[in-house]
């Protein structure tokens, strides 16, 4: 469960950061045991699958790859060409994220059955479950 939350939260961060305020992402399970995510504008797509480390390998449509594995804090480390994001559980039932540039992000459950992700600049992204078994983040 935490791996799915981390992957979706990071996808939201990656997809929402350079895009206009209304941008978001939608994810659904795939046949590999991972998720396929697409940005609202359709320009960015990711596909993930489980790896031998107990995490996920994710590939973006531009060829960029990331690897996620469990860490000693009860969260996950996601390594990409931009650096490593480390997560750990927080007291609100969500996760705290240490980002490569020194920034911090956090998530917490919301009333929609999803979670709210607070980005380093203070913006908040709300994620809700969708009918495909994935989630939509805006």
Protein backbone atom coordinates (compact mmCIF):
# COMPACT_ATOMS: atom_id res chain seq x y z
CA UNK A 1 0.00 0.00 0.00
CA UNK A 2 2.75 2.47 0.93
CA UNK A 3 4.58 1.72 -2.30
CA UNK A 4 1.49 2.62 -4.33
CA UNK A 5 1.12 5.81 -2.29
CA UNK A 6 4.76 6.75 -2.83
CA UNK A 7 4.65 6.04 -6.55
CA UNK A 8 1.46 8.02 -7.07
CA UNK A 9 2.62 10.87 -4.86
CA UNK A 10 5.88 11.15 -6.73
CA UNK A 11 4.06 10.92 -10.04
CA UNK A 12 1.85 13.78 -8.86
CA UNK A 13 4.91 15.80 -7.81
CA UNK A 14 6.66 15.13 -11.12
CA UNK A 15 3.61 15.75 -13.26
CA UNK A 16 2.20 18.73 -11.36
CA UNK A 17 5.38 20.69 -10.69
CA UNK A 18 6.08 21.98 -14.22
CA UNK A 19 2.48 21.98 -15.40
CA UNK A 20 -0.33 24.51 -15.03
CA UNK A 21 -2.30 24.58 -11.78
CA UNK A 22 -5.11 22.42 -13.19
CA UNK A 23 -2.85 19.52 -14.24
CA UNK A 24 -3.17 16.12 -12.63
CA UNK A 25 -2.65 12.43 -13.21
CA UNK A 26 -4.73 9.28 -13.38
CA UNK A 27 -3.45 5.75 -12.61
CA UNK A 28 -4.80 2.23 -13.07
CA UNK A 29 -3.38 -1.25 -12.36
CA UNK A 30 -1.55 -3.01 -15.20
CA UNK A 31 -0.99 -6.68 -16.11
CA UNK A 32 2.56 -6.62 -14.66
CA UNK A 33 1.37 -6.03 -11.08
CA UNK A 34 2.20 -2.34 -11.20
CA UNK A 35 0.40 0.76 -12.44
CA UNK A 36 0.07 2.78 -15.61
CA UNK A 37 -0.27 6.53 -15.02
CA UNK A 38 -1.09 9.30 -17.50
CA UNK A 39 -1.07 13.06 -17.05
CA UNK A 40 -4.30 14.92 -17.82
CA UNK A 41 -2.79 16.46 -20.93
CA UNK A 42 -1.57 13.02 -22.11
CA UNK A 43 2.03 14.14 -22.58
CA UNK A 44 3.53 12.14 -19.69
CA UNK A 45 2.98 8.42 -19.12
CA UNK A 46 4.58 5.99 -16.66
CA UNK A 47 4.49 2.21 -16.37
CA UNK A 48 5.63 0.36 -13.26
CA UNK A 49 6.23 -3.28 -12.32
CA UNK A 50 7.49 -5.04 -9.17
CA UNK A 51 11.25 -5.59 -8.83
CA UNK A 52 13.38 -8.14 -6.95
CA UNK A 53 14.08 -5.65 -4.12
CA UNK A 54 10.44 -5.57 -2.97
CA UNK A 55 9.82 -2.26 -4.68
CA UNK A 56 8.92 -1.10 -8.17
CA UNK A 57 10.71 -0.23 -11.40
CA UNK A 58 9.05 2.66 -13.24
CA UNK A 59 9.65 3.79 -16.82
CA UNK A 60 8.43 7.13 -18.21
CA UNK A 61 7.55 7.60 -21.87
CA UNK A 62 10.77 9.62 -22.33
CA UNK A 63 12.82 6.54 -21.31
CA UNK A 64 13.71 7.77 -17.80
CA UNK A 65 13.77 4.91 -15.27
CA UNK A 66 13.39 4.89 -11.49
CA UNK A 67 13.83 2.09 -8.95
CA UNK A 68 12.05 1.92 -5.60
CA UNK A 69 13.08 -0.29 -2.66
CA UNK A 70 12.09 -0.50 1.01
CA UNK A 71 14.28 1.42 3.50
CA UNK A 72 15.05 1.03 7.23
CA UNK A 73 12.61 3.84 8.16
CA UNK A 74 9.52 1.85 7.12
CA UNK A 75 9.23 3.79 3.87
CA UNK A 76 10.88 3.57 0.47
CA UNK A 77 13.86 5.00 -1.38
CA UNK A 78 13.19 5.93 -5.00
CA UNK A 79 16.31 6.43 -7.10
CA UNK A 80 16.12 8.30 -10.40
CA UNK A 81 18.54 10.31 -12.57
CA UNK A 82 17.50 13.41 -10.53
CA UNK A 83 18.54 11.83 -7.21
CA UNK A 84 16.95 9.79 -4.41
CA UNK A 85 13.66 10.46 -2.63
CA UNK A 86 13.46 8.91 0.85
CA UNK A 87 10.14 8.37 2.59
CA UNK A 88 9.09 7.46 6.11
CA UNK A 89 5.69 7.12 7.84
CA UNK A 90 4.39 10.19 9.68
CA UNK A 91 2.05 10.58 12.69
CA UNK A 92 -0.91 11.50 10.44
CA UNK A 93 -1.01 8.08 8.76
CA UNK A 94 0.74 9.33 5.63
CA UNK A 95 4.36 9.70 4.57
CA UNK A 96 7.07 12.34 4.81
CA UNK A 97 9.38 12.65 1.80
CA UNK A 98 12.97 13.98 1.70
CA UNK A 99 13.57 15.21 -1.86
CA UNK A 100 16.93 15.29 -3.71
CA UNK A 101 17.26 19.09 -3.65
CA UNK A 102 16.79 19.22 0.13
CA UNK A 103 13.06 19.98 -0.06
CA UNK A 104 10.38 18.14 1.88
CA UNK A 105 6.90 16.94 0.97
CA UNK A 106 4.29 15.09 3.02
CA UNK A 107 1.05 13.17 2.59
CA UNK A 108 -1.89 12.35 4.82
CA UNK A 109 -5.16 10.47 4.32
CA UNK A 110 -8.18 12.51 3.24
CA UNK A 111 -11.97 12.10 3.53
CA UNK A 112 -12.23 10.82 -0.06
CA UNK A 113 -10.37 7.58 0.75
CA UNK A 114 -7.22 8.92 -0.90
CA UNK A 115 -4.65 11.38 0.39
CA UNK A 116 -3.52 14.97 0.25
CA UNK A 117 0.08 15.60 -0.79
CA UNK A 118 1.70 18.87 0.31
CA UNK A 119 4.58 19.90 -1.98
CA UNK A 120 7.67 21.86 -0.86
CA UNK A 121 6.22 25.14 -2.19
CA UNK A 122 3.06 24.65 -0.10
CA UNK A 123 0.75 23.58 -2.94
CA UNK A 124 -1.60 20.71 -2.10
CA UNK A 125 -2.58 17.89 -4.45
CA UNK A 126 -5.67 15.81 -3.62
CA UNK A 127 -5.77 12.17 -4.68
CA UNK A 128 -8.96 10.08 -4.81
CA UNK A 129 -9.56 6.42 -5.71
CA UNK A 130 -10.92 5.89 -9.22
CA UNK A 131 -13.16 3.20 -10.74
CA UNK A 132 -10.16 1.35 -12.23
CA UNK A 133 -8.58 0.57 -8.83
CA UNK A 134 -6.00 3.32 -9.20
CA UNK A 135 -6.29 6.98 -8.25
CA UNK A 136 -6.75 10.42 -9.72
CA UNK A 137 -4.65 13.31 -8.39
CA UNK A 138 -5.36 17.01 -8.98
